[in-house]
Amino acid sequence: MILRKAIREIAGNESGSAIVLLTAAMVVLVGVMALVADVGVNYVKQTQLSVAADAAALAGGTKLDQGNSYALEAATEIAVNNGISLENLIVDVDEDGKGITVKTRGPIQTFFGIIFNNVDSQMEQLARVAMTRPIGLFNLFPLGVDEKANITHGVELNLFGSELMGSGNWGALQFKDENGNYQTGANIFKENLKNGFSGLIMIEDEARAESGAKSGPISDAIDYRITEAAKTHVCSLNNCPPGCPRVLILPVYTPTSAEDANKTKFVEIVDFAAFWVSRTEGQGENRKVWGYFVKPHVTGAVSAEGESPYGMTSIKLVK
């Protein structure tokens, strides 16, 4: 009897121990599940804050050239559209208009925070976009300007005038394709005149003078660009949207070799300038293309810190 009673007591104790162990295991399991849920929810929230900050900073950066108020408005609008409330948003535009910083905030979601009454923790993400200079561009107009030319802003100039391109090759250039071969042929040159060279041209790249280029195809391409621009907007010097066909992005070059004393054969790209076409007049070799050198903000560019002497700007996400 005594032995049987002892066995029953042991069995009863084991049953109680199992319940205690099971309860403890369930508590640990619930805690792990809560921790995993916390990590997942907060990772998603942090990603949302980061994406919203980056998008807002980039949107504001594209308006820096128009003024600080435009940059502030654009950044705020994009952040709100990405689910950031105004009380969780800080947008700071540099006084000199050279950069914009966006900070987005949100509460940290924690199961244990509720238990321990710690519900005020915040996470935040910071993004900064700075004004930069383009050092590599797509869609270049295949006419180059010698760096020694008199590039003056705010004055109407004849693109074919002697102070810019003069006669001869009219500044016409051939660029290399993705295989490193120069693109040749009249049709390719005409297509590049109409739509720009599709490849990326970087500062310090080499180009070759397009021999035998005539002003006729160049003038025809400019007329085509003016017509295309008129299909989508009314263009003026002070109201010209980004990507307008009337803005010719020109490579600025320095000659590196010549066939003779008067004709350049190879050039090195040293920078870029933009020319807005205002009007054309005349025919044939007497054709004049009038316009102004402008200081546009360009997108889709490879950029670096610093300022271009020709006034072109770009933006870069630096933080």
Protein backbone atom coordinates (compact mmCIF):
# COMPACT_ATOMS: atom_id res chain seq x y z
CA MET A 1 0.00 0.00 0.00
CA ILE A 2 2.76 2.41 0.90
CA LEU A 3 4.58 1.67 -2.38
CA ARG A 4 1.43 2.14 -4.42
CA LYS A 5 0.75 5.46 -2.71
CA ALA A 6 4.27 6.69 -3.41
CA ILE A 7 3.92 5.79 -7.08
CA ARG A 8 0.69 7.73 -7.30
CA GLU A 9 2.30 10.79 -5.73
CA ILE A 10 5.17 10.71 -8.22
CA ALA A 11 2.76 10.33 -11.10
CA GLY A 12 0.76 13.26 -9.83
CA ASN A 13 3.86 15.43 -9.50
CA GLU A 14 4.96 14.61 -13.07
CA SER A 15 1.56 15.57 -14.39
CA GLY A 16 1.78 18.90 -12.60
CA SER A 17 5.31 19.47 -13.85
CA ALA A 18 4.24 18.79 -17.40
CA ILE A 19 1.50 21.37 -17.14
CA VAL A 20 3.94 23.91 -15.78
CA LEU A 21 6.45 23.16 -18.55
CA LEU A 22 3.74 23.31 -21.21
CA THR A 23 2.51 26.64 -19.91
CA ALA A 24 6.05 28.05 -19.89
CA ALA A 25 6.66 26.77 -23.41
CA MET A 26 3.46 28.41 -24.65
CA VAL A 27 4.50 31.71 -23.09
CA VAL A 28 7.88 31.52 -24.81
CA LEU A 29 6.25 30.57 -28.12
CA VAL A 30 3.82 33.48 -27.93
CA GLY A 31 6.73 35.79 -27.13
CA VAL A 32 8.75 34.55 -30.11
CA MET A 33 5.73 34.94 -32.39
CA ALA A 34 5.19 38.46 -31.10
CA LEU A 35 8.85 39.29 -31.64
CA VAL A 36 8.78 37.93 -35.20
CA ALA A 37 5.61 39.92 -35.88
CA ASP A 38 7.21 43.07 -34.44
CA VAL A 39 10.28 42.67 -36.64
CA GLY A 40 8.20 42.06 -39.75
CA VAL A 41 5.77 44.93 -39.17
CA ASN A 42 8.54 47.40 -38.35
CA TYR A 43 10.66 46.31 -41.32
CA VAL A 44 7.74 47.03 -43.63
CA LYS A 45 7.12 50.37 -41.91
CA GLN A 46 10.78 51.36 -42.10
CA THR A 47 10.84 50.50 -45.81
CA GLN A 48 7.74 52.62 -46.36
CA LEU A 49 9.34 55.56 -44.57
CA SER A 50 12.56 55.18 -46.57
CA VAL A 51 10.78 54.98 -49.92
CA ALA A 52 8.62 57.98 -49.08
CA ALA A 53 11.62 60.04 -47.96
CA ASP A 54 13.63 59.20 -51.10
CA ALA A 55 10.70 59.89 -53.42
CA ALA A 56 9.87 63.18 -51.72
CA ALA A 57 13.48 64.38 -51.75
CA LEU A 58 13.86 63.53 -55.44
CA ALA A 59 10.58 65.24 -56.31
CA GLY A 60 11.63 68.34 -54.43
CA GLY A 61 15.07 68.21 -56.00
CA THR A 62 13.62 68.46 -59.49
CA LYS A 63 12.07 71.81 -58.50
CA LEU A 64 15.12 73.36 -56.85
CA ASP A 65 15.90 75.35 -59.97
CA GLN A 66 12.41 76.90 -59.85
CA GLY A 67 12.65 78.12 -56.28
CA ASN A 68 12.57 76.87 -52.70
CA SER A 69 8.79 77.11 -52.35
CA TYR A 70 8.26 74.90 -55.40
CA ALA A 71 10.70 72.33 -54.03
CA LEU A 72 8.97 72.34 -50.64
CA GLU A 73 5.53 71.92 -52.19
CA ALA A 74 6.62 69.07 -54.49
CA ALA A 75 8.35 67.15 -51.71
CA THR A 76 5.40 67.51 -49.33
CA GLU A 77 2.90 66.37 -51.94
CA ILE A 78 4.84 63.20 -52.79
CA ALA A 79 5.40 62.33 -49.13
CA VAL A 80 1.69 62.68 -48.34
CA ASN A 81 0.80 60.60 -51.40
CA ASN A 82 3.08 57.89 -49.98
CA GLY A 83 1.16 57.72 -46.74
CA ILE A 84 3.17 60.13 -44.57
CA SER A 85 1.09 62.51 -42.45
CA LEU A 86 2.16 66.12 -42.12
CA GLU A 87 2.93 65.71 -38.41
CA ASN A 88 5.38 62.93 -39.29
CA LEU A 89 7.12 64.90 -42.05
CA ILE A 90 9.95 67.44 -41.96
CA VAL A 91 11.11 69.07 -45.22
CA ASP A 92 14.07 71.43 -45.15
CA VAL A 93 15.21 73.30 -48.26
CA ASP A 94 18.69 74.86 -48.17
CA GLU A 95 18.59 78.65 -48.11
CA ASP A 96 20.81 78.79 -51.19
CA GLY A 97 18.54 76.32 -53.02
CA LYS A 98 21.33 73.80 -53.53
CA GLY A 99 19.71 70.91 -51.71
CA ILE A 100 16.68 69.52 -49.92
CA THR A 101 16.41 67.19 -46.92
CA VAL A 102 13.34 65.11 -46.06
CA LYS A 103 12.75 63.29 -42.76
CA THR A 104 9.85 60.87 -42.35
CA ARG A 105 8.76 59.42 -39.00
CA GLY A 106 6.45 56.74 -37.69
CA PRO A 107 5.73 54.82 -34.47
CA ILE A 108 7.57 51.60 -33.70
CA GLN A 109 4.98 48.82 -33.41
CA THR A 110 5.83 46.49 -30.50
CA PHE A 111 3.83 43.85 -28.66
CA PHE A 112 6.20 44.05 -25.70
CA GLY A 113 6.01 47.84 -25.78
CA ILE A 114 2.32 47.64 -24.95
CA ILE A 115 3.03 45.23 -22.11
CA PHE A 116 5.71 47.46 -20.61
CA ASN A 117 3.81 50.68 -21.43
CA ASN A 118 6.45 51.80 -23.95
CA VAL A 119 4.38 52.98 -26.90
CA ASP A 120 6.03 56.31 -27.73
CA SER A 121 9.10 55.01 -29.57
CA GLN A 122 9.61 56.43 -33.07
CA MET A 123 11.54 55.34 -36.13
CA GLU A 124 12.65 57.77 -38.83
CA GLN A 125 14.28 57.84 -42.24
CA LEU A 126 16.32 60.66 -43.78
CA ALA A 127 16.90 61.45 -47.45
CA ARG A 128 18.85 64.31 -49.00
CA VAL A 129 19.10 65.42 -52.59
CA ALA A 130 21.78 67.90 -53.66
CA MET A 131 22.15 70.01 -56.77
CA THR A 132 24.96 68.64 -58.93
CA ARG A 133 26.42 69.02 -62.40
CA PRO A 134 25.84 66.51 -65.21
CA ILE A 135 28.93 64.62 -66.32
CA GLY A 136 27.16 62.12 -68.55
CA LEU A 137 24.03 62.53 -70.70
CA PHE A 138 21.78 60.69 -73.10
CA ASN A 139 20.09 62.14 -76.19
CA LEU A 140 22.83 64.61 -77.11
CA PHE A 141 22.35 66.70 -80.23
CA PRO A 142 25.28 65.68 -82.48
CA LEU A 143 26.65 69.20 -82.91
CA GLY A 144 29.52 70.29 -80.73
CA VAL A 145 30.70 73.69 -79.57
CA ASP A 146 34.39 74.41 -79.12
CA GLU A 147 35.14 75.35 -75.50
CA LYS A 148 36.84 78.47 -76.83
CA ALA A 149 33.55 79.70 -78.35
CA ASN A 150 31.77 82.66 -76.82
CA ILE A 151 28.86 81.00 -75.01
CA THR A 152 26.79 83.84 -73.57
CA HIS A 153 23.51 83.40 -71.72
CA GLY A 154 20.61 85.80 -72.14
CA VAL A 155 21.63 86.93 -75.65
CA GLU A 156 20.00 85.69 -78.86
CA LEU A 157 22.65 84.01 -81.01
CA ASN A 158 22.82 82.35 -84.40
CA LEU A 159 23.81 78.72 -83.80
CA PHE A 160 25.55 78.67 -87.19
CA GLY A 161 27.29 81.98 -86.60
CA SER A 162 31.05 82.22 -86.83
CA GLU A 163 31.32 82.86 -83.08
CA LEU A 164 29.86 79.41 -82.35
CA MET A 165 30.07 76.80 -85.10
CA GLY A 166 30.90 78.70 -88.22
CA SER A 167 31.23 76.86 -91.52
CA GLY A 168 32.99 73.63 -92.44
CA ASN A 169 31.62 70.67 -90.50
CA TRP A 170 29.13 72.82 -88.60
CA GLY A 171 30.35 71.21 -85.41
CA ALA A 172 28.87 67.85 -86.46
CA LEU A 173 30.08 64.89 -84.41
CA GLN A 174 30.03 61.11 -84.59
CA PHE A 175 29.70 59.16 -81.34
CA LYS A 176 30.69 55.60 -80.51
CA ASP A 177 28.08 52.86 -80.14
CA GLU A 178 28.00 50.25 -77.36
CA ASN A 179 30.68 48.25 -79.18
CA GLY A 180 33.08 51.18 -79.32
CA ASN A 181 32.61 51.80 -83.05
CA TYR A 182 31.81 55.21 -84.49
CA GLN A 183 28.31 55.51 -85.89
CA THR A 184 28.55 56.53 -89.52
CA GLY A 185 26.15 57.22 -92.35
CA ALA A 186 23.82 60.06 -93.31
CA ASN A 187 20.68 58.33 -92.01
CA ILE A 188 22.17 57.73 -88.57
CA PHE A 189 23.31 61.34 -88.41
CA LYS A 190 19.82 62.56 -89.37
CA GLU A 191 18.21 60.34 -86.73
CA ASN A 192 20.57 61.65 -84.06
CA LEU A 193 19.74 65.19 -85.13
CA LYS A 194 16.01 64.55 -84.77
CA ASN A 195 15.95 62.55 -81.55
CA GLY A 196 19.41 62.83 -80.04
CA PHE A 197 22.07 60.16 -79.71
CA SER A 198 20.56 57.31 -77.70
CA GLY A 199 23.79 56.29 -75.97
CA LEU A 200 25.44 57.75 -72.89
CA ILE A 201 28.16 60.33 -73.51
CA MET A 202 30.46 61.14 -70.62
CA ILE A 203 32.90 63.97 -70.05
CA GLU A 204 36.34 62.86 -71.34
CA ASP A 205 34.75 60.66 -74.04
CA GLU A 206 36.16 60.97 -77.54
CA ALA A 207 34.10 61.93 -80.59
CA ARG A 208 34.95 62.27 -84.28
CA ALA A 209 34.10 65.16 -86.56
CA GLU A 210 31.40 64.31 -89.09
CA SER A 211 33.05 65.16 -92.41
CA GLY A 212 30.91 66.57 -95.18
CA ALA A 213 28.02 67.56 -92.94
CA LYS A 214 25.64 70.07 -94.54
CA SER A 215 23.45 72.64 -92.89
CA GLY A 216 20.35 71.34 -94.74
CA PRO A 217 19.79 68.17 -92.68
CA ILE A 218 20.59 70.07 -89.51
CA SER A 219 18.01 72.74 -90.32
CA ASP A 220 15.42 70.11 -91.26
CA ALA A 221 15.94 68.35 -87.94
CA ILE A 222 15.53 71.58 -86.01
CA ASP A 223 12.29 72.31 -87.89
CA TYR A 224 11.12 68.82 -86.95
CA ARG A 225 11.92 69.46 -83.29
CA ILE A 226 10.01 72.75 -83.28
CA THR A 227 6.99 70.99 -84.81
CA GLU A 228 7.14 68.15 -82.27
CA ALA A 229 7.32 70.58 -79.37
CA ALA A 230 4.25 72.46 -80.62
CA LYS A 231 2.21 69.24 -80.46
CA THR A 232 2.42 69.05 -76.67
CA HIS A 233 2.94 72.56 -75.32
CA VAL A 234 3.39 76.24 -76.02
CA CYS A 235 7.09 76.83 -75.65
CA SER A 236 8.87 80.03 -74.68
CA LEU A 237 12.27 80.93 -73.31
CA ASN A 238 10.94 81.23 -69.77
CA ASN A 239 8.38 78.44 -69.99
CA CYS A 240 9.95 75.35 -71.49
CA PRO A 241 9.22 71.97 -69.85
CA PRO A 242 11.96 69.39 -69.22
CA GLY A 243 12.73 67.27 -72.26
CA CYS A 244 11.41 69.83 -74.74
CA PRO A 245 12.75 69.04 -78.26
CA ARG A 246 13.53 72.71 -78.82
CA VAL A 247 16.29 72.51 -76.22
CA LEU A 248 19.40 71.16 -77.92
CA ILE A 249 21.85 69.56 -75.48
CA LEU A 250 25.22 70.23 -77.09
CA PRO A 251 28.57 68.66 -76.21
CA VAL A 252 31.32 71.16 -75.50
CA TYR A 253 34.65 69.89 -76.79
CA THR A 254 38.33 70.56 -77.12
CA PRO A 255 40.11 69.40 -80.31
CA THR A 256 42.63 66.59 -79.81
CA SER A 257 43.80 66.03 -83.41
CA ALA A 258 43.28 67.55 -86.83
CA GLU A 259 43.48 66.49 -90.48
CA ASP A 260 44.92 69.88 -91.38
CA ALA A 261 45.21 73.33 -89.93
CA ASN A 262 41.52 74.17 -90.51
CA LYS A 263 39.64 70.91 -89.95
CA THR A 264 39.29 69.02 -86.68
CA LYS A 265 39.26 65.21 -86.79
CA PHE A 266 38.90 64.09 -83.15
CA VAL A 267 37.67 65.93 -80.08
CA GLU A 268 37.34 65.29 -76.35
CA ILE A 269 34.05 66.10 -74.63
CA VAL A 270 34.74 68.48 -71.74
CA ASP A 271 31.22 69.59 -70.76
CA PHE A 272 27.66 70.18 -71.99
CA ALA A 273 25.63 73.26 -72.88
CA ALA A 274 21.96 73.76 -73.71
CA PHE A 275 20.59 75.90 -76.56
CA TRP A 276 16.89 76.81 -76.80
CA VAL A 277 15.82 77.41 -80.42
CA SER A 278 13.73 80.55 -80.75
CA ARG A 279 13.35 80.82 -84.54
CA THR A 280 14.85 79.99 -87.91
CA GLU A 281 15.25 82.02 -91.05
CA GLY A 282 16.75 81.75 -94.50
CA GLN A 283 17.37 78.74 -96.73
CA GLY A 284 20.24 76.44 -97.61
CA GLU A 285 23.72 77.54 -96.64
CA ASN A 286 22.26 80.90 -95.61
CA ARG A 287 19.96 79.30 -93.01
CA LYS A 288 20.13 80.81 -89.54
CA VAL A 289 19.04 79.10 -86.35
CA TRP A 290 18.46 81.64 -83.62
CA GLY A 291 18.20 80.91 -79.94
CA TYR A 292 19.55 81.35 -76.45
CA PHE A 293 21.93 79.38 -74.30
CA VAL A 294 19.90 78.34 -71.26
CA LYS A 295 20.57 76.72 -67.90
CA PRO A 296 18.11 73.81 -67.68
CA HIS A 297 17.76 71.18 -65.03
CA VAL A 298 18.22 67.75 -66.61
CA THR A 299 17.15 64.33 -65.39
CA GLY A 300 18.47 60.88 -66.19
CA ALA A 301 22.02 62.15 -66.02
CA VAL A 302 25.21 60.88 -64.48
CA SER A 303 26.16 63.66 -62.11
CA ALA A 304 28.85 64.75 -59.70
CA GLU A 305 29.33 67.46 -57.10
CA GLY A 306 30.18 70.91 -58.36
CA GLU A 307 28.79 73.49 -60.77
CA SER A 308 28.97 73.51 -64.54
CA PRO A 309 30.40 76.69 -66.10
CA TYR A 310 27.58 76.42 -68.65
CA GLY A 311 24.81 76.44 -66.06
CA MET A 312 23.32 72.97 -66.53
CA THR A 313 22.26 71.25 -63.33
CA SER A 314 21.15 67.84 -62.20
CA ILE A 315 20.33 66.26 -58.85
CA LYS A 316 21.72 63.35 -56.87
CA LEU A 317 20.46 61.40 -53.88
CA VAL A 318 23.37 61.78 -51.48
CA LYS A 319 21.88 60.44 -48.22
